[in-house]
Amino acid sequence: SRGVYREKPAERLTNLTARQQDRVSQLCE
């Protein structure tokens, strides 16, 4: 073990389909 590993956040999700964008918004809310 080299200790806790944290990913680099994407911060924003791009190149999503319109349906994916809508669903992400629904789930986030």
PDB file of all heavy atoms in Angstrom:
ATOM      1  N   SER A   1       0.845  -1.185   0.000  1.00  0.00           N
ATOM      2  CA  SER A   1       0.000   0.000   0.000  1.00  0.00           C
ATOM      3  C   SER A   1       0.885   1.240   0.000  1.00  0.00           C
ATOM      4  O   SER A   1       1.833   1.330   0.785  1.00  0.00           O
ATOM      5  CB  SER A   1      -0.916   0.023   1.234  1.00  0.00           C
ATOM      6  OG  SER A   1      -1.604   1.251   1.334  1.00  0.00           O
ATOM      7  N   ARG A   2       0.567   2.181  -0.878  1.00  0.00           N
ATOM      8  CA  ARG A   2       1.297   3.450  -0.937  1.00  0.00           C
ATOM      9  C   ARG A   2       0.498   4.584  -0.303  1.00  0.00           C
ATOM     10  O   ARG A   2       0.848   5.750  -0.431  1.00  0.00           O
ATOM     11  CB  ARG A   2       1.620   3.798  -2.386  1.00  0.00           C
ATOM     12  CG  ARG A   2       2.609   2.854  -3.060  1.00  0.00           C
ATOM     13  CD  ARG A   2       2.848   3.262  -4.494  1.00  0.00           C
ATOM     14  NE  ARG A   2       3.263   4.658  -4.594  1.00  0.00           N
ATOM     15  CZ  ARG A   2       3.261   5.361  -5.741  1.00  0.00           C
ATOM     16  NH1 ARG A   2       2.835   4.790  -6.859  1.00  0.00           N
ATOM     17  NH2 ARG A   2       3.660   6.615  -5.762  1.00  0.00           N
ATOM     18  N   GLY A   3      -0.557   4.248   0.392  1.00  0.00           N
ATOM     19  CA  GLY A   3      -1.379   5.270   1.026  1.00  0.00           C
ATOM     20  C   GLY A   3      -2.596   5.601   0.193  1.00  0.00           C
ATOM     21  O   GLY A   3      -2.774   5.119  -0.926  1.00  0.00           O
ATOM     22  N   VAL A   4      -3.449   6.434   0.743  1.00  0.00           N
ATOM     23  CA  VAL A   4      -4.722   6.779   0.112  1.00  0.00           C
ATOM     24  C   VAL A   4      -4.498   7.387  -1.268  1.00  0.00           C
ATOM     25  O   VAL A   4      -3.658   8.279  -1.447  1.00  0.00           O
ATOM     26  CB  VAL A   4      -5.512   7.770   0.986  1.00  0.00           C
ATOM     27  CG1 VAL A   4      -6.775   8.223   0.280  1.00  0.00           C
ATOM     28  CG2 VAL A   4      -5.859   7.126   2.325  1.00  0.00           C
ATOM     29  N   TYR A   5      -5.261   6.883  -2.251  1.00  0.00           N
ATOM     30  CA  TYR A   5      -5.182   7.440  -3.605  1.00  0.00           C
ATOM     31  C   TYR A   5      -6.492   8.156  -3.929  1.00  0.00           C
ATOM     32  O   TYR A   5      -7.571   7.595  -3.783  1.00  0.00           O
ATOM     33  CB  TYR A   5      -4.957   6.328  -4.632  1.00  0.00           C
ATOM     34  CG  TYR A   5      -4.921   6.849  -6.051  1.00  0.00           C
ATOM     35  CD1 TYR A   5      -3.753   7.385  -6.578  1.00  0.00           C
ATOM     36  CD2 TYR A   5      -6.068   6.822  -6.853  1.00  0.00           C
ATOM     37  CE1 TYR A   5      -3.718   7.886  -7.875  1.00  0.00           C
ATOM     38  CE2 TYR A   5      -6.041   7.319  -8.150  1.00  0.00           C
ATOM     39  CZ  TYR A   5      -4.859   7.844  -8.655  1.00  0.00           C
ATOM     40  OH  TYR A   5      -4.836   8.343  -9.935  1.00  0.00           O
ATOM     41  N   ARG A   6      -6.372   9.398  -4.358  1.00  0.00           N
ATOM     42  CA  ARG A   6      -7.549  10.175  -4.742  1.00  0.00           C
ATOM     43  C   ARG A   6      -7.465  10.531  -6.223  1.00  0.00           C
ATOM     44  O   ARG A   6      -6.442  11.012  -6.697  1.00  0.00           O
ATOM     45  CB  ARG A   6      -7.662  11.449  -3.901  1.00  0.00           C
ATOM     46  CG  ARG A   6      -8.035  11.200  -2.448  1.00  0.00           C
ATOM     47  CD  ARG A   6      -8.183  12.513  -1.683  1.00  0.00           C
ATOM     48  NE  ARG A   6      -8.702  12.318  -0.347  1.00  0.00           N
ATOM     49  CZ  ARG A   6      -7.948  12.035   0.719  1.00  0.00           C
ATOM     50  NH1 ARG A   6      -6.634  11.908   0.570  1.00  0.00           N
ATOM     51  NH2 ARG A   6      -8.495  11.871   1.908  1.00  0.00           N
ATOM     52  N   GLU A   7      -8.545  10.294  -6.928  1.00  0.00           N
ATOM     53  CA  GLU A   7      -8.589  10.619  -8.347  1.00  0.00           C
ATOM     54  C   GLU A   7      -8.599  12.134  -8.565  1.00  0.00           C
ATOM     55  O   GLU A   7      -9.048  12.899  -7.703  1.00  0.00           O
ATOM     56  CB  GLU A   7      -9.857  10.033  -8.978  1.00  0.00           C
ATOM     57  CG  GLU A   7      -9.909   8.529  -9.002  1.00  0.00           C
ATOM     58  CD  GLU A   7     -11.184   8.004  -9.633  1.00  0.00           C
ATOM     59  OE1 GLU A   7     -12.123   8.809  -9.871  1.00  0.00           O
ATOM     60  OE2 GLU A   7     -11.243   6.797  -9.875  1.00  0.00           O
ATOM     61  N   LYS A   8      -8.166  12.542  -9.735  1.00  0.00           N
ATOM     62  CA  LYS A   8      -8.271  13.942 -10.116  1.00  0.00           C
ATOM     63  C   LYS A   8      -9.699  14.195 -10.581  1.00  0.00           C
ATOM     64  O   LYS A   8     -10.161  13.565 -11.546  1.00  0.00           O
ATOM     65  CB  LYS A   8      -7.291  14.275 -11.238  1.00  0.00           C
ATOM     66  CG  LYS A   8      -7.339  15.740 -11.652  1.00  0.00           C
ATOM     67  CD  LYS A   8      -6.336  16.029 -12.751  1.00  0.00           C
ATOM     68  CE  LYS A   8      -6.401  17.498 -13.173  1.00  0.00           C
ATOM     69  NZ  LYS A   8      -5.435  17.786 -14.268  1.00  0.00           N
ATOM     70  N   PRO A   9     -10.430  15.071  -9.932  1.00  0.00           N
ATOM     71  CA  PRO A   9     -11.845  15.283 -10.289  1.00  0.00           C
ATOM     72  C   PRO A   9     -12.011  15.775 -11.721  1.00  0.00           C
ATOM     73  O   PRO A   9     -11.213  16.568 -12.226  1.00  0.00           O
ATOM     74  CB  PRO A   9     -12.305  16.347  -9.285  1.00  0.00           C
ATOM     75  CG  PRO A   9     -11.321  16.275  -8.158  1.00  0.00           C
ATOM     76  CD  PRO A   9     -10.020  15.898  -8.790  1.00  0.00           C
ATOM     77  N   ALA A  10     -13.073  15.309 -12.367  1.00  0.00           N
ATOM     78  CA  ALA A  10     -13.381  15.774 -13.716  1.00  0.00           C
ATOM     79  C   ALA A  10     -13.890  17.213 -13.678  1.00  0.00           C
ATOM     80  O   ALA A  10     -13.748  17.962 -14.637  1.00  0.00           O
ATOM     81  CB  ALA A  10     -14.426  14.867 -14.351  1.00  0.00           C
ATOM     82  N   GLU A  11     -14.532  17.590 -12.581  1.00  0.00           N
ATOM     83  CA  GLU A  11     -15.128  18.914 -12.352  1.00  0.00           C
ATOM     84  C   GLU A  11     -16.361  19.161 -13.218  1.00  0.00           C
ATOM     85  O   GLU A  11     -17.395  19.582 -12.726  1.00  0.00           O
ATOM     86  CB  GLU A  11     -14.090  20.022 -12.541  1.00  0.00           C
ATOM     87  CG  GLU A  11     -12.947  19.931 -11.523  1.00  0.00           C
ATOM     88  CD  GLU A  11     -11.972  21.069 -11.650  1.00  0.00           C
ATOM     89  OE1 GLU A  11     -12.149  21.918 -12.564  1.00  0.00           O
ATOM     90  OE2 GLU A  11     -11.024  21.108 -10.846  1.00  0.00           O
ATOM     91  N   ARG A  12     -16.233  18.916 -14.529  1.00  0.00           N
ATOM     92  CA  ARG A  12     -17.391  19.047 -15.427  1.00  0.00           C
ATOM     93  C   ARG A  12     -17.437  17.840 -16.341  1.00  0.00           C
ATOM     94  O   ARG A  12     -16.408  17.331 -16.770  1.00  0.00           O
ATOM     95  CB  ARG A  12     -17.301  20.324 -16.264  1.00  0.00           C
ATOM     96  CG  ARG A  12     -17.409  21.614 -15.464  1.00  0.00           C
ATOM     97  CD  ARG A  12     -17.287  22.840 -16.365  1.00  0.00           C
ATOM     98  NE  ARG A  12     -18.367  22.908 -17.354  1.00  0.00           N
ATOM     99  CZ  ARG A  12     -18.203  22.702 -18.661  1.00  0.00           C
ATOM    100  NH1 ARG A  12     -17.016  22.381 -19.146  1.00  0.00           N
ATOM    101  NH2 ARG A  12     -19.227  22.805 -19.488  1.00  0.00           N
ATOM    102  N   LEU A  13     -18.659  17.386 -16.667  1.00  0.00           N
ATOM    103  CA  LEU A  13     -18.841  16.264 -17.582  1.00  0.00           C
ATOM    104  C   LEU A  13     -19.256  16.803 -18.941  1.00  0.00           C
ATOM    105  O   LEU A  13     -20.314  17.424 -19.079  1.00  0.00           O
ATOM    106  CB  LEU A  13     -19.906  15.300 -17.056  1.00  0.00           C
ATOM    107  CG  LEU A  13     -19.575  14.590 -15.743  1.00  0.00           C
ATOM    108  CD1 LEU A  13     -20.740  13.715 -15.302  1.00  0.00           C
ATOM    109  CD2 LEU A  13     -18.304  13.755 -15.878  1.00  0.00           C
ATOM    110  N   THR A  14     -18.408  16.582 -19.928  1.00  0.00           N
ATOM    111  CA  THR A  14     -18.677  17.072 -21.277  1.00  0.00           C
ATOM    112  C   THR A  14     -18.945  15.892 -22.211  1.00  0.00           C
ATOM    113  O   THR A  14     -18.763  14.732 -21.853  1.00  0.00           O
ATOM    114  CB  THR A  14     -17.488  17.893 -21.795  1.00  0.00           C
ATOM    115  OG1 THR A  14     -16.302  17.069 -21.766  1.00  0.00           O
ATOM    116  CG2 THR A  14     -17.263  19.123 -20.921  1.00  0.00           C
ATOM    117  N   ASN A  15     -19.369  16.217 -23.429  1.00  0.00           N
ATOM    118  CA  ASN A  15     -19.616  15.219 -24.475  1.00  0.00           C
ATOM    119  C   ASN A  15     -20.651  14.167 -24.060  1.00  0.00           C
ATOM    120  O   ASN A  15     -20.535  12.995 -24.410  1.00  0.00           O
ATOM    121  CB  ASN A  15     -18.317  14.520 -24.883  1.00  0.00           C
ATOM    122  CG  ASN A  15     -17.287  15.487 -25.437  1.00  0.00           C
ATOM    123  OD1 ASN A  15     -17.637  16.410 -26.167  1.00  0.00           O
ATOM    124  ND2 ASN A  15     -16.033  15.281 -25.087  1.00  0.00           N
ATOM    125  N   LEU A  16     -21.650  14.607 -23.315  1.00  0.00           N
ATOM    126  CA  LEU A  16     -22.763  13.724 -22.972  1.00  0.00           C
ATOM    127  C   LEU A  16     -23.889  13.911 -23.981  1.00  0.00           C
ATOM    128  O   LEU A  16     -24.034  14.986 -24.576  1.00  0.00           O
ATOM    129  CB  LEU A  16     -23.295  14.036 -21.573  1.00  0.00           C
ATOM    130  CG  LEU A  16     -22.325  13.914 -20.397  1.00  0.00           C
ATOM    131  CD1 LEU A  16     -23.050  14.257 -19.104  1.00  0.00           C
ATOM    132  CD2 LEU A  16     -21.718  12.532 -20.323  1.00  0.00           C
ATOM    133  N   THR A  17     -24.685  12.865 -24.177  1.00  0.00           N
ATOM    134  CA  THR A  17     -25.867  13.013 -25.014  1.00  0.00           C
ATOM    135  C   THR A  17     -26.887  13.876 -24.278  1.00  0.00           C
ATOM    136  O   THR A  17     -26.782  14.077 -23.054  1.00  0.00           O
ATOM    137  CB  THR A  17     -26.488  11.644 -25.341  1.00  0.00           C
ATOM    138  OG1 THR A  17     -27.009  11.071 -24.125  1.00  0.00           O
ATOM    139  CG2 THR A  17     -25.456  10.695 -25.949  1.00  0.00           C
ATOM    140  N   ALA A  18     -27.862  14.361 -25.004  1.00  0.00           N
ATOM    141  CA  ALA A  18     -28.895  15.197 -24.381  1.00  0.00           C
ATOM    142  C   ALA A  18     -29.635  14.416 -23.290  1.00  0.00           C
ATOM    143  O   ALA A  18     -29.933  14.961 -22.217  1.00  0.00           O
ATOM    144  CB  ALA A  18     -29.878  15.687 -25.445  1.00  0.00           C
ATOM    145  N   ARG A  19     -29.917  13.141 -23.553  1.00  0.00           N
ATOM    146  CA  ARG A  19     -30.609  12.317 -22.555  1.00  0.00           C
ATOM    147  C   ARG A  19     -29.737  12.107 -21.316  1.00  0.00           C
ATOM    148  O   ARG A  19     -30.226  12.118 -20.177  1.00  0.00           O
ATOM    149  CB  ARG A  19     -31.000  10.976 -23.158  1.00  0.00           C
ATOM    150  CG  ARG A  19     -32.079  11.049 -24.222  1.00  0.00           C
ATOM    151  CD  ARG A  19     -32.432   9.665 -24.739  1.00  0.00           C
ATOM    152  NE  ARG A  19     -33.005   8.855 -23.672  1.00  0.00           N
ATOM    153  CZ  ARG A  19     -32.958   7.537 -23.658  1.00  0.00           C
ATOM    154  NH1 ARG A  19     -32.325   6.863 -24.615  1.00  0.00           N
ATOM    155  NH2 ARG A  19     -33.528   6.853 -22.673  1.00  0.00           N
ATOM    156  N   GLN A  20     -28.452  11.923 -21.517  1.00  0.00           N
ATOM    157  CA  GLN A  20     -27.551  11.755 -20.378  1.00  0.00           C
ATOM    158  C   GLN A  20     -27.459  13.039 -19.564  1.00  0.00           C
ATOM    159  O   GLN A  20     -27.476  13.000 -18.334  1.00  0.00           O
ATOM    160  CB  GLN A  20     -26.167  11.325 -20.863  1.00  0.00           C
ATOM    161  CG  GLN A  20     -26.092   9.895 -21.358  1.00  0.00           C
ATOM    162  CD  GLN A  20     -24.741   9.554 -21.948  1.00  0.00           C
ATOM    163  OE1 GLN A  20     -24.020  10.426 -22.443  1.00  0.00           O
ATOM    164  NE2 GLN A  20     -24.381   8.272 -21.906  1.00  0.00           N
ATOM    165  N   GLN A  21     -27.369  14.166 -20.242  1.00  0.00           N
ATOM    166  CA  GLN A  21     -27.315  15.450 -19.537  1.00  0.00           C
ATOM    167  C   GLN A  21     -28.568  15.669 -18.704  1.00  0.00           C
ATOM    168  O   GLN A  21     -28.494  16.094 -17.541  1.00  0.00           O
ATOM    169  CB  GLN A  21     -27.149  16.594 -20.549  1.00  0.00           C
ATOM    170  CG  GLN A  21     -25.776  16.645 -21.208  1.00  0.00           C
ATOM    171  CD  GLN A  21     -25.697  17.730 -22.271  1.00  0.00           C
ATOM    172  OE1 GLN A  21     -26.720  18.229 -22.765  1.00  0.00           O
ATOM    173  NE2 GLN A  21     -24.493  18.095 -22.641  1.00  0.00           N
ATOM    174  N   ASP A  22     -29.721  15.371 -19.287  1.00  0.00           N
ATOM    175  CA  ASP A  22     -30.980  15.527 -18.556  1.00  0.00           C
ATOM    176  C   ASP A  22     -31.020  14.609 -17.337  1.00  0.00           C
ATOM    177  O   ASP A  22     -31.464  15.025 -16.260  1.00  0.00           O
ATOM    178  CB  ASP A  22     -32.172  15.216 -19.472  1.00  0.00           C
ATOM    179  CG  ASP A  22     -32.395  16.284 -20.514  1.00  0.00           C
ATOM    180  OD1 ASP A  22     -31.847  17.392 -20.345  1.00  0.00           O
ATOM    181  OD2 ASP A  22     -33.112  16.012 -21.495  1.00  0.00           O
ATOM    182  N   ARG A  23     -30.575  13.385 -17.527  1.00  0.00           N
ATOM    183  CA  ARG A  23     -30.630  12.429 -16.415  1.00  0.00           C
ATOM    184  C   ARG A  23     -29.659  12.815 -15.310  1.00  0.00           C
ATOM    185  O   ARG A  23     -29.987  12.682 -14.120  1.00  0.00           O
ATOM    186  CB  ARG A  23     -30.316  11.018 -16.928  1.00  0.00           C
ATOM    187  CG  ARG A  23     -30.572   9.923 -15.896  1.00  0.00           C
ATOM    188  CD  ARG A  23     -31.990   9.950 -15.392  1.00  0.00           C
ATOM    189  NE  ARG A  23     -32.266   8.834 -14.485  1.00  0.00           N
ATOM    190  CZ  ARG A  23     -33.143   8.883 -13.499  1.00  0.00           C
ATOM    191  NH1 ARG A  23     -33.838   9.987 -13.288  1.00  0.00           N
ATOM    192  NH2 ARG A  23     -33.338   7.821 -12.723  1.00  0.00           N
ATOM    193  N   VAL A  24     -28.473  13.270 -15.654  1.00  0.00           N
ATOM    194  CA  VAL A  24     -27.522  13.737 -14.647  1.00  0.00           C
ATOM    195  C   VAL A  24     -28.136  14.874 -13.844  1.00  0.00           C
ATOM    196  O   VAL A  24     -28.050  14.907 -12.609  1.00  0.00           O
ATOM    197  CB  VAL A  24     -26.191  14.183 -15.295  1.00  0.00           C
ATOM    198  CG1 VAL A  24     -25.349  14.976 -14.297  1.00  0.00           C
ATOM    199  CG2 VAL A  24     -25.394  12.976 -15.782  1.00  0.00           C
ATOM    200  N   SER A  25     -28.782  15.807 -14.528  1.00  0.00           N
ATOM    201  CA  SER A  25     -29.413  16.937 -13.833  1.00  0.00           C
ATOM    202  C   SER A  25     -30.494  16.460 -12.879  1.00  0.00           C
ATOM    203  O   SER A  25     -30.601  16.952 -11.749  1.00  0.00           O
ATOM    204  CB  SER A  25     -30.007  17.914 -14.857  1.00  0.00           C
ATOM    205  OG  SER A  25     -28.995  18.477 -15.661  1.00  0.00           O
ATOM    206  N   GLN A  26     -31.301  15.504 -13.306  1.00  0.00           N
ATOM    207  CA  GLN A  26     -32.355  14.965 -12.450  1.00  0.00           C
ATOM    208  C   GLN A  26     -31.777  14.295 -11.202  1.00  0.00           C
ATOM    209  O   GLN A  26     -32.255  14.520 -10.082  1.00  0.00           O
ATOM    210  CB  GLN A  26     -33.194  13.947 -13.227  1.00  0.00           C
ATOM    211  CG  GLN A  26     -34.037  14.540 -14.332  1.00  0.00           C
ATOM    212  CD  GLN A  26     -34.666  13.465 -15.205  1.00  0.00           C
ATOM    213  OE1 GLN A  26     -34.569  12.265 -14.901  1.00  0.00           O
ATOM    214  NE2 GLN A  26     -35.291  13.864 -16.300  1.00  0.00           N
ATOM    215  N   LEU A  27     -30.752  13.474 -11.408  1.00  0.00           N
ATOM    216  CA  LEU A  27     -30.156  12.758 -10.279  1.00  0.00           C
ATOM    217  C   LEU A  27     -29.457  13.713  -9.316  1.00  0.00           C
ATOM    218  O   LEU A  27     -29.536  13.534  -8.093  1.00  0.00           O
ATOM    219  CB  LEU A  27     -29.169  11.707 -10.791  1.00  0.00           C
ATOM    220  CG  LEU A  27     -29.786  10.548 -11.577  1.00  0.00           C
ATOM    221  CD1 LEU A  27     -28.698   9.695 -12.213  1.00  0.00           C
ATOM    222  CD2 LEU A  27     -30.678   9.688 -10.677  1.00  0.00           C
ATOM    223  N   CYS A  28     -28.793  14.712  -9.867  1.00  0.00           N
ATOM    224  CA  CYS A  28     -28.105  15.686  -9.003  1.00  0.00           C
ATOM    225  C   CYS A  28     -29.099  16.461  -8.148  1.00  0.00           C
ATOM    226  O   CYS A  28     -28.860  16.706  -6.959  1.00  0.00           O
ATOM    227  CB  CYS A  28     -27.287  16.654  -9.857  1.00  0.00           C
ATOM    228  SG  CYS A  28     -25.814  15.934 -10.600  1.00  0.00           S
ATOM    229  N   GLU A  29     -30.223  16.827  -8.742  1.00  0.00           N
ATOM    230  CA  GLU A  29     -31.226  17.574  -7.993  1.00  0.00           C
ATOM    231  C   GLU A  29     -31.915  16.689  -6.956  1.00  0.00           C
ATOM    232  O   GLU A  29     -32.141  17.114  -5.821  1.00  0.00           O
ATOM    233  CB  GLU A  29     -32.268  18.142  -8.959  1.00  0.00           C
ATOM    234  CG  GLU A  29     -33.348  18.961  -8.268  1.00  0.00           C
ATOM    235  CD  GLU A  29     -34.333  19.567  -9.252  1.00  0.00           C
ATOM    236  OE1 GLU A  29     -34.147  19.397 -10.472  1.00  0.00           O
ATOM    237  OE2 GLU A  29     -35.309  20.206  -8.788  1.00  0.00           O
TER     238      GLU A  29
END
